[in-house]
Amino acid sequence: MEQQGIDQQTTVARVTTGMRVVDSAGIDVGTVDLVQRGDPNAVTVQAPTTDPGSSLDELIESATVQEPDVPADLAARLLRTGYLKVSSGLVPTGAVYVLADQIATVTPTEVHLNTLATALPPED
């Protein structure tokens, strides 16, 4: 199991922003916007606990969306395994997430998935 996690991290490390993402049926999913390596110790996503205050910088920082923008149980899994955020015209929110274990291969220009685009969780 530990070896699988290492392999997934190696695969995720080969992905860069701007790469094309293709699902297992050859459908163009979109392009990589964010690459996040996994943290096996990640347990939960914590919302900011500070008051945004009165300065514009503090207000902007408090309004910034925390990644990944999905339900907490899925967010914890994404943070543990690693993930890609992909800009996609296939969903109304404009982005989907790819778990590290959904990546089949990485070429110099493309990420090929071992799942269909319809199985990818959309951004909230």
Protein backbone atom coordinates (compact mmCIF):
# COMPACT_ATOMS: atom_id res chain seq x y z
CA MET A 1 0.00 0.00 0.00
CA GLU A 2 2.82 2.41 0.86
CA GLN A 3 4.52 1.67 -2.49
CA GLN A 4 1.29 2.57 -4.30
CA GLY A 5 1.26 5.96 -2.55
CA ILE A 6 4.87 6.58 -3.58
CA ASP A 7 4.05 5.66 -7.19
CA GLN A 8 1.06 8.02 -7.17
CA GLN A 9 3.20 10.87 -5.84
CA THR A 10 5.81 10.22 -8.53
CA THR A 11 3.07 10.33 -11.17
CA VAL A 12 1.55 13.55 -9.80
CA ALA A 13 5.03 15.14 -9.68
CA ARG A 14 5.34 14.66 -13.46
CA VAL A 15 2.22 16.75 -14.14
CA THR A 16 2.48 20.49 -14.80
CA THR A 17 -0.13 23.21 -15.19
CA GLY A 18 -1.42 23.65 -18.71
CA MET A 19 -1.20 19.96 -19.64
CA ARG A 20 -4.13 18.48 -21.54
CA VAL A 21 -6.21 15.87 -19.65
CA VAL A 22 -7.86 12.97 -21.51
CA ASP A 23 -10.23 10.42 -19.96
CA SER A 24 -10.18 6.64 -20.50
CA ALA A 25 -12.50 6.94 -23.53
CA GLY A 26 -10.28 9.52 -25.22
CA ILE A 27 -12.55 12.48 -24.34
CA ASP A 28 -10.73 15.78 -23.79
CA VAL A 29 -11.50 16.72 -20.17
CA GLY A 30 -9.64 20.05 -20.11
CA THR A 31 -6.34 21.49 -18.93
CA VAL A 32 -4.54 21.24 -15.59
CA ASP A 33 -4.91 24.38 -13.45
CA LEU A 34 -3.46 23.09 -10.19
CA VAL A 35 -1.22 20.21 -9.16
CA GLN A 36 -1.29 19.20 -5.50
CA ARG A 37 0.92 16.42 -4.17
CA GLY A 38 -0.59 14.24 -1.47
CA ASP A 39 -0.02 14.44 2.25
CA PRO A 40 -0.74 11.07 3.90
CA ASN A 41 -1.18 12.88 7.24
CA ALA A 42 -3.89 15.23 5.96
CA VAL A 43 -7.09 14.56 7.86
CA THR A 44 -9.40 17.47 7.23
CA VAL A 45 -9.83 20.83 5.59
CA GLN A 46 -10.02 23.69 8.04
CA ALA A 47 -11.85 26.90 7.33
CA PRO A 48 -10.14 30.12 8.35
CA THR A 49 -10.87 30.86 11.99
CA THR A 50 -9.84 34.52 12.05
CA ASP A 51 -12.12 37.49 11.71
CA PRO A 52 -11.58 39.07 8.29
CA GLY A 53 -11.01 42.44 9.94
CA SER A 54 -11.35 45.74 8.19
CA SER A 55 -8.43 45.91 5.78
CA LEU A 56 -9.01 45.13 2.12
CA ASP A 57 -6.18 42.55 2.10
CA GLU A 58 -7.72 40.67 5.05
CA LEU A 59 -11.14 40.74 3.40
CA ILE A 60 -9.77 39.38 0.10
CA GLU A 61 -7.84 36.67 1.94
CA SER A 62 -10.95 35.59 3.89
CA ALA A 63 -12.97 35.33 0.65
CA THR A 64 -10.37 33.22 -1.12
CA VAL A 65 -11.67 29.74 -1.90
CA GLN A 66 -9.81 27.00 -0.12
CA GLU A 67 -8.72 24.15 -2.37
CA PRO A 68 -10.06 21.66 -2.99
CA ASP A 69 -13.54 23.17 -3.25
CA VAL A 70 -15.54 19.96 -2.65
CA PRO A 71 -17.37 18.38 0.32
CA ALA A 72 -15.12 17.80 3.36
CA ASP A 73 -14.92 13.99 3.11
CA LEU A 74 -13.80 14.15 -0.53
CA ALA A 75 -11.47 17.07 0.23
CA ALA A 76 -9.70 15.00 2.89
CA ARG A 77 -9.23 12.13 0.42
CA LEU A 78 -7.91 14.49 -2.27
CA LEU A 79 -5.46 16.06 0.18
CA ARG A 80 -4.20 12.65 1.33
CA THR A 81 -3.72 11.15 -2.14
CA GLY A 82 -2.87 14.22 -4.16
CA TYR A 83 -4.95 15.66 -6.97
CA LEU A 84 -5.21 17.77 -10.09
CA LYS A 85 -7.71 20.57 -10.59
CA VAL A 86 -8.71 20.64 -14.26
CA SER A 87 -10.47 23.47 -16.08
CA SER A 88 -13.25 21.80 -17.99
CA GLY A 89 -16.17 22.80 -20.15
CA LEU A 90 -17.83 19.48 -19.31
CA VAL A 91 -19.33 20.73 -16.02
CA PRO A 92 -21.26 23.92 -15.15
CA THR A 93 -18.76 24.93 -12.44
CA GLY A 94 -15.91 24.96 -14.96
CA ALA A 95 -13.56 22.62 -13.08
CA VAL A 96 -13.21 19.00 -11.99
CA TYR A 97 -10.80 17.23 -9.66
CA VAL A 98 -8.69 14.18 -10.53
CA LEU A 99 -7.43 11.98 -7.71
CA ALA A 100 -3.86 10.77 -8.06
CA ASP A 101 -5.06 7.16 -8.39
CA GLN A 102 -7.20 8.15 -11.40
CA ILE A 103 -4.09 9.01 -13.43
CA ALA A 104 -3.08 6.17 -15.78
CA THR A 105 -0.09 7.74 -17.55
CA VAL A 106 1.63 11.07 -18.01
CA THR A 107 3.30 12.03 -21.29
CA PRO A 108 5.29 15.23 -21.81
CA THR A 109 2.10 17.06 -22.90
CA GLU A 110 -0.88 15.02 -21.65
CA VAL A 111 -2.37 13.32 -18.64
CA HIS A 112 -4.31 10.13 -19.46
CA LEU A 113 -6.90 8.96 -16.95
CA ASN A 114 -8.04 5.45 -16.04
CA THR A 115 -11.62 6.69 -15.57
CA LEU A 116 -14.32 8.49 -17.50
CA ALA A 117 -14.79 12.25 -17.24
CA THR A 118 -18.28 11.68 -15.86
CA ALA A 119 -16.74 10.04 -12.77
CA LEU A 120 -14.68 13.11 -11.87
CA PRO A 121 -16.02 15.25 -9.00
CA PRO A 122 -16.88 18.82 -10.03
CA GLU A 123 -15.79 21.88 -8.12
CA ASP A 124 -18.51 23.17 -5.76
